[in-house]
Amino acid sequence: MSKIITCEQVSNGHPDKICDQIADAIVTDCLQHDKNSRVAIECLLKDNYLIIAGELTSKHKPNYRSLVDEVVRRIGYEKLGYGYDRYDIMGGLNVNIRVSEQSPDIALGVDKDGAGDQGIMYGYATNETPEMMPLPFMVATKFLELLKNHPSKMFRADAKAQVSFDYDSSRITTFLCSVQHSPDVEVSDFRHIIESMMVLAACEYGLNGDFQKLVNPTGRFVIGGSFADCGVTGRKLACDTYGGIGRIGGGALSGKDPTKVDRSGAYMARRIAKDIVQAGYADKCEVQLAYAIGVTQPVGVSIECFGTEYQPLEFIEQYVRGSYDLTPKGIIQTLGLLDVDYNKVSAYGHFGKAGLPWE
């Protein structure tokens, strides 16, 4: 029986990712003006109604409307598709703000360098791609990046990709794409373009192009974005991390300053997993970190190498405990998380991108 594993990715115009991008634009803006900002922001987008809610304690007062407009411009106003022509970034989007200060009870622990919440975080790495990411996930991501940069005006911003990969034969079996398009074209008008980009993405990683190609299986995808589905921050965790390969933690990454270990712990766990694979200790590695609110040291550190390890797991775990400062403060300082532009990771994944301190 073949071992077929499927990974998915979504575009920056998916409604959930629009919300992630707005939330992370707020995080980045606050940290650029005040490194001590405490940010926990979530967004909900339906039709042309946007709710920005959460907790924020900072000397800086963000211009929410300006940040939202910048995200819309970055995605491509003209690509946002059906319904978005009914509002423009000059005032047609209804923005509702419900933001209060961080609870002083939480601050009691965070201000003493403890974790901002309890939680479990996972990091994963594999040597099957140069990025040390799962192969089908990188193919799906590469395809959507090609789609984003395609000059045709028939393609709109909302899209999904899914790649099924047979690890026994090292071949893609099925490539699925659903792409929003303008109302004046049919799938038959652009199927050949999408299929060509599927093959290009596969060839980028030296893979076969003779797989099953599914393009807009429903036959039509005109109404998209928040006019088709409600968007919410933190609802695309598989797309943010490893595409569904490797476990994920219980909390979202976007919308949070790095005192929240949901974010910083996940980044450090990725860094550790990647270091272990790069050092030749294993072909693939998964790292779990667990924290208690207000406590500086993790309450749990676990290493899993899925039988690919070249050193005993006990040795690898001792190496991790002795080589990394796993306190929230230590992670922030080691990775320089107060200086990261989180706009770079709020779409197309938080991992596998060159130039990030955890990579």
Protein backbone atom coordinates (compact mmCIF):
# COMPACT_ATOMS: atom_id res chain seq x y z
CA MET A 1 0.00 0.00 0.00
CA SER A 2 1.42 3.39 -1.02
CA LYS A 3 2.19 6.01 1.59
CA ILE A 4 0.41 9.05 0.16
CA ILE A 5 0.59 12.20 2.27
CA THR A 6 -1.31 15.37 1.37
CA CYS A 7 -0.41 18.96 2.24
CA GLU A 8 -2.31 22.18 1.67
CA GLN A 9 -1.62 25.89 1.37
CA VAL A 10 -3.78 28.97 0.77
CA SER A 11 -3.12 32.32 -0.87
CA ASN A 12 -2.73 35.71 0.75
CA GLY A 13 -6.23 36.59 -0.50
CA HIS A 14 -7.93 33.82 1.47
CA PRO A 15 -10.18 35.51 4.06
CA ASP A 16 -8.48 33.82 7.01
CA LYS A 17 -5.09 34.97 5.75
CA ILE A 18 -6.35 38.51 5.20
CA CYS A 19 -7.17 38.52 8.92
CA ASP A 20 -3.74 37.09 9.80
CA GLN A 21 -2.04 39.78 7.72
CA ILE A 22 -3.98 42.58 9.40
CA ALA A 23 -3.24 41.16 12.87
CA ASP A 24 0.48 40.83 12.15
CA ALA A 25 0.64 44.30 10.60
CA ILE A 26 -0.60 45.62 13.96
CA VAL A 27 1.96 43.52 15.89
CA THR A 28 4.83 44.74 13.72
CA ASP A 29 3.73 48.37 13.87
CA CYS A 30 3.51 48.30 17.67
CA LEU A 31 6.89 46.61 18.15
CA GLN A 32 8.58 49.02 15.76
CA HIS A 33 7.48 51.92 17.95
CA ASP A 34 7.60 50.26 21.39
CA LYS A 35 9.60 47.08 22.01
CA ASN A 36 7.69 46.49 25.24
CA SER A 37 4.33 46.31 23.48
CA ARG A 38 2.05 43.48 24.56
CA VAL A 39 -0.18 42.53 21.65
CA ALA A 40 -2.89 39.90 21.29
CA ILE A 41 -5.02 40.87 18.31
CA GLU A 42 -7.56 38.89 16.32
CA CYS A 43 -9.62 39.91 13.32
CA LEU A 44 -12.91 38.76 11.85
CA LEU A 45 -13.84 39.71 8.28
CA LYS A 46 -17.22 39.08 6.65
CA ASP A 47 -18.31 40.85 3.47
CA ASN A 48 -17.03 44.40 3.97
CA TYR A 49 -17.24 44.33 7.78
CA LEU A 50 -14.02 43.96 9.75
CA ILE A 51 -13.77 43.54 13.51
CA ILE A 52 -10.37 44.05 15.15
CA ALA A 53 -10.47 42.80 18.74
CA GLY A 54 -8.11 41.82 21.50
CA GLU A 55 -5.70 43.24 24.02
CA LEU A 56 -2.97 45.80 23.50
CA THR A 57 -0.70 47.52 25.99
CA SER A 58 1.77 49.87 24.34
CA LYS A 59 3.05 53.43 24.35
CA HIS A 60 2.21 53.42 20.66
CA LYS A 61 -1.30 53.91 19.37
CA PRO A 62 -1.60 52.17 16.01
CA ASN A 63 -3.54 53.72 13.15
CA TYR A 64 -5.70 50.68 12.53
CA ARG A 65 -7.34 51.99 9.40
CA SER A 66 -4.04 52.83 7.77
CA LEU A 67 -2.64 49.38 8.55
CA VAL A 68 -5.73 47.69 7.11
CA ASP A 69 -5.50 49.77 3.95
CA GLU A 70 -1.84 48.83 3.52
CA VAL A 71 -2.67 45.12 3.78
CA VAL A 72 -5.40 45.53 1.16
CA ARG A 73 -2.98 47.35 -1.14
CA ARG A 74 -0.33 44.66 -0.65
CA ILE A 75 -2.70 41.84 -1.56
CA GLY A 76 -3.88 43.82 -4.57
CA TYR A 77 -7.09 45.76 -4.41
CA GLU A 78 -8.02 44.83 -7.95
CA LYS A 79 -7.44 41.12 -7.20
CA LEU A 80 -9.75 40.91 -4.22
CA GLY A 81 -12.56 40.16 -6.60
CA TYR A 82 -16.32 40.10 -6.44
CA GLY A 83 -17.80 42.42 -3.87
CA TYR A 84 -14.63 44.34 -3.18
CA ASP A 85 -15.46 46.74 -5.96
CA ARG A 86 -18.36 47.83 -3.74
CA TYR A 87 -15.97 49.36 -1.26
CA ASP A 88 -12.64 51.02 -1.63
CA ILE A 89 -9.81 51.74 0.75
CA MET A 90 -11.06 55.30 1.08
CA GLY A 91 -13.89 54.36 3.37
CA GLY A 92 -16.10 51.55 2.07
CA LEU A 93 -14.73 48.92 4.47
CA ASN A 94 -16.46 49.11 7.82
CA VAL A 95 -13.85 48.70 10.58
CA ASN A 96 -14.95 48.10 14.16
CA ILE A 97 -12.31 48.25 16.91
CA ARG A 98 -12.73 46.40 20.22
CA VAL A 99 -9.29 46.54 21.85
CA SER A 100 -8.50 46.90 25.54
CA GLU A 101 -5.31 46.70 27.60
CA GLN A 102 -3.70 43.42 28.58
CA SER A 103 -4.98 41.96 31.83
CA PRO A 104 -2.80 43.00 34.79
CA ASP A 105 -3.07 39.39 36.03
CA ILE A 106 -1.22 38.19 32.92
CA ALA A 107 1.33 40.99 33.25
CA LEU A 108 2.27 39.73 36.73
CA GLY A 109 3.98 36.75 35.15
CA VAL A 110 5.13 38.20 31.84
CA ASP A 111 6.83 41.19 33.44
CA LYS A 112 8.95 38.71 35.41
CA ASP A 113 10.05 37.05 32.14
CA GLY A 114 7.60 34.16 32.47
CA ALA A 115 5.52 32.73 29.65
CA GLY A 116 2.50 34.79 28.63
CA ASP A 117 0.27 31.72 28.63
CA GLN A 118 0.34 27.98 29.02
CA GLY A 119 0.60 25.92 25.88
CA ILE A 120 2.37 23.36 23.71
CA MET A 121 4.40 24.25 20.62
CA TYR A 122 5.89 22.05 17.92
CA GLY A 123 8.75 22.51 15.51
CA TYR A 124 9.54 20.24 12.58
CA ALA A 125 12.32 19.80 10.04
CA THR A 126 13.15 17.26 7.35
CA ASN A 127 16.01 16.95 4.89
CA GLU A 128 13.72 16.21 1.93
CA THR A 129 13.91 19.82 0.63
CA PRO A 130 16.56 22.56 0.73
CA GLU A 131 14.23 24.54 3.01
CA MET A 132 14.05 21.53 5.36
CA MET A 133 10.29 21.52 4.95
CA PRO A 134 7.86 18.80 3.79
CA LEU A 135 8.09 18.32 0.03
CA PRO A 136 4.37 18.43 -0.88
CA PHE A 137 3.90 21.52 1.27
CA MET A 138 6.68 23.38 -0.50
CA VAL A 139 5.28 22.43 -3.92
CA ALA A 140 1.83 23.74 -2.96
CA THR A 141 3.36 26.95 -1.60
CA LYS A 142 5.55 27.45 -4.68
CA PHE A 143 2.51 27.05 -6.93
CA LEU A 144 0.54 29.72 -5.07
CA GLU A 145 3.50 32.09 -5.21
CA LEU A 146 3.62 31.58 -8.99
CA LEU A 147 -0.11 32.25 -9.15
CA LYS A 148 0.22 35.42 -7.08
CA ASN A 149 2.82 36.81 -9.46
CA HIS A 150 1.00 35.86 -12.66
CA PRO A 151 0.17 39.02 -14.65
CA SER A 152 -3.26 37.91 -15.89
CA LYS A 153 -6.19 39.94 -14.55
CA MET A 154 -8.51 36.93 -14.79
CA PHE A 155 -7.10 35.50 -11.55
CA ARG A 156 -8.33 36.91 -8.25
CA ALA A 157 -6.71 36.78 -4.83
CA ASP A 158 -8.50 33.87 -3.13
CA ALA A 159 -6.96 30.48 -3.87
CA LYS A 160 -6.11 27.10 -2.36
CA ALA A 161 -3.69 24.36 -3.36
CA GLN A 162 -3.39 20.76 -2.23
CA VAL A 163 -0.65 18.29 -3.19
CA SER A 164 -0.80 14.53 -2.62
CA PHE A 165 2.63 12.88 -2.63
CA ASP A 166 3.51 9.19 -2.63
CA TYR A 167 6.56 8.87 -0.40
CA ASP A 168 7.18 5.28 -1.51
CA SER A 169 7.57 6.15 -5.20
CA SER A 170 8.61 9.81 -4.66
CA ARG A 171 5.92 11.00 -7.05
CA ILE A 172 3.07 13.49 -6.89
CA THR A 173 -0.20 11.64 -7.44
CA THR A 174 -2.75 14.48 -7.35
CA PHE A 175 -2.47 18.27 -7.54
CA LEU A 176 -5.60 20.26 -6.66
CA CYS A 177 -6.13 23.97 -7.11
CA SER A 178 -9.16 26.16 -6.54
CA VAL A 179 -8.55 29.69 -7.83
CA GLN A 180 -10.96 32.59 -7.79
CA HIS A 181 -11.45 34.12 -11.21
CA SER A 182 -13.20 37.02 -12.89
CA PRO A 183 -16.82 36.45 -13.94
CA ASP A 184 -16.15 36.86 -17.65
CA VAL A 185 -14.04 33.69 -18.00
CA GLU A 186 -14.63 29.96 -17.64
CA VAL A 187 -12.30 27.34 -16.22
CA SER A 188 -11.63 26.14 -19.75
CA ASP A 189 -10.13 29.55 -20.54
CA PHE A 190 -7.33 29.22 -18.00
CA ARG A 191 -7.02 25.52 -17.16
CA HIS A 192 -3.87 25.19 -19.29
CA ILE A 193 -2.24 28.11 -17.43
CA ILE A 194 -2.95 26.62 -14.01
CA GLU A 195 -1.79 23.16 -15.09
CA SER A 196 1.44 24.63 -16.45
CA MET A 197 2.11 26.35 -13.12
CA MET A 198 1.43 23.08 -11.30
CA VAL A 199 4.10 21.37 -13.39
CA LEU A 200 6.51 24.29 -12.91
CA ALA A 201 6.10 24.10 -9.13
CA ALA A 202 6.73 20.34 -9.21
CA CYS A 203 9.77 20.73 -11.46
CA GLU A 204 11.22 23.26 -9.01
CA TYR A 205 11.75 20.27 -6.70
CA GLY A 206 12.68 17.77 -9.40
CA LEU A 207 9.34 15.97 -9.33
CA ASN A 208 7.11 14.41 -11.96
CA GLY A 209 4.55 16.39 -13.93
CA ASP A 210 2.28 13.51 -14.98
CA PHE A 211 0.00 13.69 -11.96
CA GLN A 212 -3.77 14.06 -11.78
CA LYS A 213 -4.60 17.74 -12.18
CA LEU A 214 -7.78 19.09 -10.61
CA VAL A 215 -8.58 22.73 -11.39
CA ASN A 216 -11.66 24.32 -9.79
CA PRO A 217 -13.53 21.00 -9.46
CA THR A 218 -16.87 22.76 -8.83
CA GLY A 219 -16.52 24.43 -12.23
CA ARG A 220 -16.82 28.03 -11.05
CA PHE A 221 -15.17 30.19 -8.38
CA VAL A 222 -16.17 33.83 -8.91
CA ILE A 223 -17.44 34.82 -5.49
CA GLY A 224 -14.51 34.55 -3.10
CA GLY A 225 -12.76 36.17 -0.19
CA SER A 226 -14.89 37.39 2.69
CA PHE A 227 -17.97 37.53 0.45
CA ALA A 228 -17.89 33.74 0.21
CA ASP A 229 -16.41 32.76 3.58
CA CYS A 230 -15.96 34.52 6.90
CA GLY A 231 -12.29 35.10 7.72
CA VAL A 232 -10.82 34.72 11.21
CA THR A 233 -7.27 35.11 12.54
CA GLY A 234 -5.47 31.89 13.43
CA ARG A 235 -7.62 29.45 11.49
CA LYS A 236 -5.00 28.25 9.00
CA LEU A 237 -2.45 26.71 11.36
CA ALA A 238 -1.49 23.87 9.00
CA CYS A 239 -0.78 26.41 6.27
CA ASP A 240 1.19 28.55 8.73
CA THR A 241 3.38 25.64 9.77
CA TYR A 242 4.06 22.40 7.87
CA GLY A 243 1.01 21.82 5.69
CA GLY A 244 -0.38 19.08 7.89
CA ILE A 245 2.85 17.06 8.23
CA GLY A 246 4.14 17.23 11.78
CA ARG A 247 1.96 18.16 14.71
CA ILE A 248 0.96 21.71 15.52
CA GLY A 249 0.43 23.46 18.83
CA GLY A 250 -2.83 24.59 20.31
CA GLY A 251 -2.48 28.32 19.61
CA ALA A 252 -2.23 30.60 16.60
CA LEU A 253 0.99 32.36 15.68
CA SER A 254 -0.25 35.59 14.07
CA GLY A 255 -1.52 38.56 16.04
CA LYS A 256 0.74 37.98 19.04
CA ASP A 257 3.88 39.67 20.30
CA PRO A 258 6.73 37.23 21.09
CA THR A 259 6.11 37.14 24.84
CA LYS A 260 3.31 34.79 23.80
CA VAL A 261 4.99 31.39 23.58
CA ASP A 262 2.46 30.24 20.99
CA ARG A 263 4.57 32.32 18.63
CA SER A 264 8.07 32.43 20.10
CA GLY A 265 8.03 28.81 21.28
CA ALA A 266 6.99 27.59 17.83
CA TYR A 267 9.83 29.55 16.25
CA MET A 268 12.41 28.18 18.68
CA ALA A 269 11.10 24.63 18.27
CA ARG A 270 11.56 24.99 14.50
CA ARG A 271 15.08 26.36 15.00
CA ILE A 272 16.01 23.40 17.22
CA ALA A 273 14.49 20.81 14.86
CA LYS A 274 16.32 22.34 11.91
CA ASP A 275 19.62 22.45 13.81
CA ILE A 276 19.28 18.75 14.68
CA VAL A 277 18.71 17.78 11.05
CA GLN A 278 21.47 20.08 9.78
CA ALA A 279 23.88 18.58 12.32
CA GLY A 280 23.22 15.14 10.88
CA TYR A 281 21.67 13.78 14.06
CA ALA A 282 18.49 12.76 12.18
CA ASP A 283 16.80 12.93 8.78
CA LYS A 284 13.64 14.40 10.28
CA CYS A 285 12.88 15.80 13.69
CA GLU A 286 9.93 17.08 15.67
CA VAL A 287 10.44 19.14 18.83
CA GLN A 288 7.74 19.78 21.42
CA LEU A 289 8.01 22.56 24.00
CA ALA A 290 5.46 23.06 26.78
CA TYR A 291 5.05 26.10 29.05
CA ALA A 292 3.06 27.24 32.07
CA ILE A 293 1.87 30.83 32.36
CA GLY A 294 4.23 32.97 34.41
CA VAL A 295 6.91 30.25 34.57
CA THR A 296 10.26 30.92 32.93
CA GLN A 297 11.50 27.42 32.09
CA PRO A 298 9.52 25.02 29.90
CA VAL A 299 7.70 22.30 31.80
CA GLY A 300 8.39 19.86 28.99
CA VAL A 301 10.92 19.30 26.19
CA SER A 302 10.41 16.31 23.90
CA ILE A 303 12.25 15.13 20.79
CA GLU A 304 10.87 12.73 18.15
CA CYS A 305 12.93 11.65 15.12
CA PHE A 306 10.61 8.94 13.74
CA GLY A 307 13.32 6.29 13.66
CA THR A 308 15.62 8.39 11.46
CA GLU A 309 18.03 9.37 14.24
CA TYR A 310 21.76 8.62 14.01
CA GLN A 311 22.29 9.35 17.71
CA PRO A 312 20.25 8.09 20.69
CA LEU A 313 17.23 10.29 21.43
CA GLU A 314 18.51 10.72 25.00
CA PHE A 315 21.73 12.23 23.63
CA ILE A 316 19.81 14.58 21.31
CA GLU A 317 17.52 15.70 24.13
CA GLN A 318 20.48 16.40 26.41
CA TYR A 319 22.10 18.35 23.58
CA VAL A 320 18.96 20.50 23.26
CA ARG A 321 18.64 21.17 26.98
CA GLY A 322 22.29 22.15 27.23
CA SER A 323 22.53 24.25 24.08
CA TYR A 324 19.48 26.52 24.03
CA ASP A 325 18.02 29.11 26.39
CA LEU A 326 14.38 28.06 26.35
CA THR A 327 13.05 30.77 28.64
CA PRO A 328 10.67 33.18 26.86
CA LYS A 329 13.16 36.02 27.41
CA GLY A 330 16.02 33.86 26.16
CA ILE A 331 14.11 32.88 23.01
CA ILE A 332 13.22 36.50 22.25
CA GLN A 333 16.84 37.59 22.66
CA THR A 334 18.37 34.64 20.79
CA LEU A 335 16.11 35.04 17.77
CA GLY A 336 15.77 38.83 17.94
CA LEU A 337 12.00 38.53 17.85
CA LEU A 338 11.35 42.15 18.80
CA ASP A 339 12.90 43.27 15.51
CA VAL A 340 11.17 40.88 13.09
CA ASP A 341 8.86 42.18 10.38
CA TYR A 342 5.97 39.79 10.90
CA ASN A 343 4.37 40.94 7.67
CA LYS A 344 6.82 38.54 6.00
CA VAL A 345 5.28 35.47 7.63
CA SER A 346 1.57 36.30 7.81
CA ALA A 347 0.96 34.61 4.43
CA TYR A 348 2.51 31.59 2.69
CA GLY A 349 3.88 30.14 5.91
CA HIS A 350 6.04 31.10 8.89
CA PHE A 351 8.76 28.56 8.08
CA GLY A 352 11.04 27.62 5.21
CA LYS A 353 11.74 31.24 4.25
CA ALA A 354 15.31 32.50 3.98
CA GLY A 355 16.37 35.44 6.11
CA LEU A 356 14.25 34.71 9.18
CA PRO A 357 16.16 34.30 12.47
CA TRP A 358 14.66 30.89 13.23
CA GLU A 359 15.69 29.64 9.79
